[in-house]
Amino acid sequence: MTDTVAPAASTTATQPTEERPKPRLKKGLVIVNTGNGKGKTTAAVGLAVRAAGNKMRVLIVQFIKGKWKTGEQESLKRLAPEIELVRMGKGFTIDRLRDKRVSMDDHEAAARAAWDFAVERVKSGEYAVVVLDEILGTVKAGLVSVDELLDLVRSKPSKLHLVLTGRNAPPALVEAADLVTEMNPVKHPYAAGIMAQRGVEF
């Protein structure tokens, strides 16, 4: 009697087909760059450049930073009108870095003017991306309240991407945001006595 060997069963029919995830509704994101490490503004500027490359209109409002020139400021001028950069700060607010010639009243007035401008621009519907750079430092200094920031997050246009940077993100903001990244310092040249480098940090 001759043994017959049955053909091997095909496995292709039993393999589950991998389905691509269905595209979800596009929405404007609330993005928070926080933490004590370097890179919060750098990441926000990179996102702004990417958005401009996609023909999206971008506004960057800088709260704390003063009038000194930075490399990103000079570069972003070349990307106008897709990217609009508005600097409204008076410099650092923490005691060890603050210019004592600038009173806290002046800082508060500048912060309130920047905040009112930012709120009006966010709600205008003219932009696809708005970056509020160092807004979290402004909140930490008590110049803008957490409740005000949360109200803006909740009331922004649904398709607007809102990017918020700075240290000490409030827990309520972390909860409300869609994307939160915490920059943590592992090693920094400042600890070795190396000062900030042009083109790297400003």
Protein backbone atom coordinates (compact mmCIF):
# COMPACT_ATOMS: atom_id res chain seq x y z
CA MET A 1 0.00 0.00 0.00
CA THR A 2 1.45 3.33 -1.05
CA ASP A 3 1.39 6.12 1.49
CA THR A 4 0.05 9.42 0.18
CA VAL A 5 1.15 12.71 1.61
CA ALA A 6 -1.52 15.35 1.90
CA PRO A 7 -0.47 18.76 0.61
CA ALA A 8 0.49 21.22 3.30
CA ALA A 9 -2.35 23.43 4.32
CA SER A 10 -2.03 26.96 3.07
CA THR A 11 -1.46 29.43 5.87
CA THR A 12 -2.29 32.48 3.85
CA ALA A 13 -6.02 32.02 4.21
CA THR A 14 -5.84 31.81 7.99
CA GLN A 15 -3.51 34.76 8.48
CA PRO A 16 -5.46 37.77 9.76
CA THR A 17 -5.24 40.69 7.41
CA GLU A 18 -3.68 43.75 9.00
CA GLU A 19 -6.00 46.68 8.66
CA ARG A 20 -4.74 50.20 8.56
CA PRO A 21 -6.12 52.35 11.34
CA LYS A 22 -8.97 54.47 10.16
CA PRO A 23 -8.08 58.14 9.88
CA ARG A 24 -9.44 60.09 12.77
CA LEU A 25 -10.91 63.53 12.75
CA LYS A 26 -8.24 66.18 12.41
CA LYS A 27 -8.20 68.66 15.26
CA GLY A 28 -6.05 71.47 16.48
CA LEU A 29 -3.68 70.25 19.17
CA VAL A 30 -2.63 71.82 22.44
CA ILE A 31 1.11 71.17 22.65
CA VAL A 32 3.18 71.80 25.78
CA ASN A 33 6.99 71.90 25.85
CA THR A 34 8.08 72.04 29.49
CA GLY A 35 10.82 70.88 31.85
CA ASN A 36 14.15 72.24 33.08
CA GLY A 37 16.17 71.15 30.05
CA LYS A 38 17.18 73.00 26.91
CA GLY A 39 15.06 72.75 23.79
CA LYS A 40 11.57 74.03 24.57
CA THR A 41 11.70 77.10 22.34
CA THR A 42 13.91 75.27 19.85
CA ALA A 43 11.26 72.58 19.38
CA ALA A 44 8.49 75.17 19.04
CA VAL A 45 10.42 77.11 16.40
CA GLY A 46 11.09 73.87 14.51
CA LEU A 47 7.37 73.09 14.52
CA ALA A 48 6.66 76.62 13.27
CA VAL A 49 9.09 76.19 10.38
CA ARG A 50 7.53 72.84 9.49
CA ALA A 51 4.06 74.38 9.52
CA ALA A 52 5.19 77.28 7.33
CA GLY A 53 6.61 74.75 4.88
CA ASN A 54 3.09 73.33 4.66
CA LYS A 55 1.68 76.76 3.74
CA MET A 56 0.24 77.28 7.23
CA ARG A 57 0.24 80.72 8.81
CA VAL A 58 2.06 80.88 12.13
CA LEU A 59 2.25 83.43 14.95
CA ILE A 60 4.93 83.29 17.65
CA VAL A 61 4.45 85.55 20.68
CA GLN A 62 7.45 85.68 23.02
CA PHE A 63 6.61 86.69 26.58
CA ILE A 64 9.74 86.71 28.75
CA LYS A 65 12.48 87.24 26.21
CA GLY A 66 13.70 90.81 25.87
CA LYS A 67 15.10 92.83 23.00
CA TRP A 68 18.40 90.99 22.49
CA LYS A 69 18.95 89.49 19.06
CA THR A 70 18.76 85.73 18.57
CA GLY A 71 19.51 83.52 15.61
CA GLU A 72 15.94 82.28 15.37
CA GLN A 73 14.66 85.86 15.29
CA GLU A 74 16.87 86.68 12.31
CA SER A 75 15.99 83.44 10.50
CA LEU A 76 12.25 83.80 11.04
CA LYS A 77 12.30 87.25 9.46
CA ARG A 78 13.11 85.49 6.19
CA LEU A 79 10.01 83.31 6.53
CA ALA A 80 7.58 86.22 6.77
CA PRO A 81 4.69 86.49 6.15
CA GLU A 82 4.12 82.76 6.79
CA ILE A 83 5.68 83.18 10.25
CA GLU A 84 5.06 86.31 12.31
CA LEU A 85 7.27 86.80 15.38
CA VAL A 86 6.21 89.30 18.06
CA ARG A 87 8.48 89.87 21.07
CA MET A 88 6.77 91.63 23.96
CA GLY A 89 8.78 90.65 27.03
CA LYS A 90 11.04 92.77 29.23
CA GLY A 91 13.58 90.04 29.99
CA PHE A 92 13.93 87.50 32.79
CA THR A 93 11.70 87.80 35.84
CA ILE A 94 13.56 85.55 38.32
CA ASP A 95 15.68 87.54 40.79
CA ARG A 96 19.11 86.13 39.96
CA LEU A 97 18.71 86.94 36.26
CA ARG A 98 16.39 89.94 36.31
CA ASP A 99 17.61 93.35 35.19
CA LYS A 100 16.91 95.38 38.33
CA ARG A 101 16.40 98.48 36.18
CA VAL A 102 13.14 96.90 35.01
CA SER A 103 10.52 96.88 37.76
CA MET A 104 8.09 94.04 38.27
CA ASP A 105 5.33 96.53 37.47
CA ASP A 106 6.92 96.97 34.04
CA HIS A 107 7.14 93.19 33.63
CA GLU A 108 3.49 92.83 34.58
CA ALA A 109 2.38 95.55 32.16
CA ALA A 110 4.35 93.92 29.33
CA ALA A 111 2.97 90.48 30.16
CA ARG A 112 -0.61 91.73 30.25
CA ALA A 113 -0.17 93.52 26.91
CA ALA A 114 1.31 90.37 25.39
CA TRP A 115 -1.47 88.24 26.84
CA ASP A 116 -4.25 90.48 25.55
CA PHE A 117 -2.61 90.55 22.12
CA ALA A 118 -2.18 86.75 22.10
CA VAL A 119 -5.79 86.06 23.13
CA GLU A 120 -7.11 88.37 20.42
CA ARG A 121 -4.87 86.75 17.79
CA VAL A 122 -5.73 83.18 18.86
CA LYS A 123 -9.44 83.91 18.57
CA SER A 124 -9.09 85.80 15.27
CA GLY A 125 -9.03 82.60 13.22
CA GLU A 126 -6.22 84.00 11.06
CA TYR A 127 -3.58 81.46 12.08
CA ALA A 128 -3.13 77.71 11.83
CA VAL A 129 -0.47 77.64 14.57
CA VAL A 130 0.10 80.00 17.50
CA VAL A 131 3.15 79.62 19.74
CA LEU A 132 3.12 81.32 23.15
CA ASP A 133 6.80 81.13 24.02
CA GLU A 134 7.63 81.26 27.75
CA ILE A 135 3.98 81.65 28.66
CA LEU A 136 4.49 79.09 31.43
CA GLY A 137 7.23 81.22 32.98
CA THR A 138 4.80 84.12 32.84
CA VAL A 139 2.20 82.04 34.67
CA LYS A 140 4.79 80.91 37.23
CA ALA A 141 5.67 84.56 37.90
CA GLY A 142 1.99 85.29 38.58
CA LEU A 143 1.65 87.67 35.63
CA VAL A 144 -1.01 85.53 33.94
CA SER A 145 -3.23 83.12 35.88
CA VAL A 146 -3.58 79.39 35.31
CA ASP A 147 -7.33 79.87 34.90
CA GLU A 148 -6.79 82.43 32.15
CA LEU A 149 -4.51 80.04 30.29
CA LEU A 150 -6.94 77.14 30.66
CA ASP A 151 -9.80 79.31 29.41
CA LEU A 152 -7.78 80.09 26.29
CA VAL A 153 -6.99 76.41 25.75
CA ARG A 154 -10.67 75.51 25.98
CA SER A 155 -11.95 78.37 23.82
CA LYS A 156 -9.41 78.37 20.99
CA PRO A 157 -10.62 77.63 17.44
CA SER A 158 -11.02 73.88 17.01
CA LYS A 159 -8.49 73.58 14.17
CA LEU A 160 -5.82 75.83 15.67
CA HIS A 161 -2.61 74.23 16.97
CA LEU A 162 -1.64 76.04 20.19
CA VAL A 163 1.95 75.56 21.40
CA LEU A 164 2.88 76.59 24.95
CA THR A 165 6.45 76.61 26.26
CA GLY A 166 8.25 77.14 29.54
CA ARG A 167 9.11 75.44 32.80
CA ASN A 168 6.67 74.32 35.47
CA ALA A 169 3.64 73.37 33.42
CA PRO A 170 0.65 73.35 35.82
CA PRO A 171 -0.89 69.87 36.31
CA ALA A 172 -4.27 71.12 35.06
CA LEU A 173 -2.64 72.22 31.79
CA VAL A 174 -0.87 68.88 31.40
CA GLU A 175 -4.24 67.20 31.82
CA ALA A 176 -5.92 69.46 29.25
CA ALA A 177 -3.16 69.25 26.62
CA ASP A 178 -2.97 66.75 23.76
CA LEU A 179 0.83 66.50 23.59
CA VAL A 180 3.20 67.17 26.47
CA THR A 181 6.98 66.85 26.25
CA GLU A 182 9.22 67.35 29.27
CA MET A 183 12.81 68.33 28.51
CA ASN A 184 15.05 66.99 31.27
CA PRO A 185 18.72 67.99 31.51
CA VAL A 186 21.15 65.08 31.44
CA LYS A 187 24.32 67.06 30.80
CA HIS A 188 24.82 70.75 30.06
CA PRO A 189 28.04 72.63 29.22
CA TYR A 190 27.13 75.38 31.70
CA ALA A 191 28.01 72.98 34.52
CA ALA A 192 31.56 72.87 33.12
CA GLY A 193 31.78 76.65 32.99
CA ILE A 194 31.05 76.89 29.27
CA MET A 195 28.87 79.86 28.50
CA ALA A 196 25.95 79.95 26.05
CA GLN A 197 27.10 79.47 22.47
CA ARG A 198 25.94 81.63 19.57
CA GLY A 199 24.03 79.50 17.07
CA VAL A 200 23.30 76.82 19.67
CA GLU A 201 21.48 78.64 22.44
CA PHE A 202 20.73 82.04 20.94
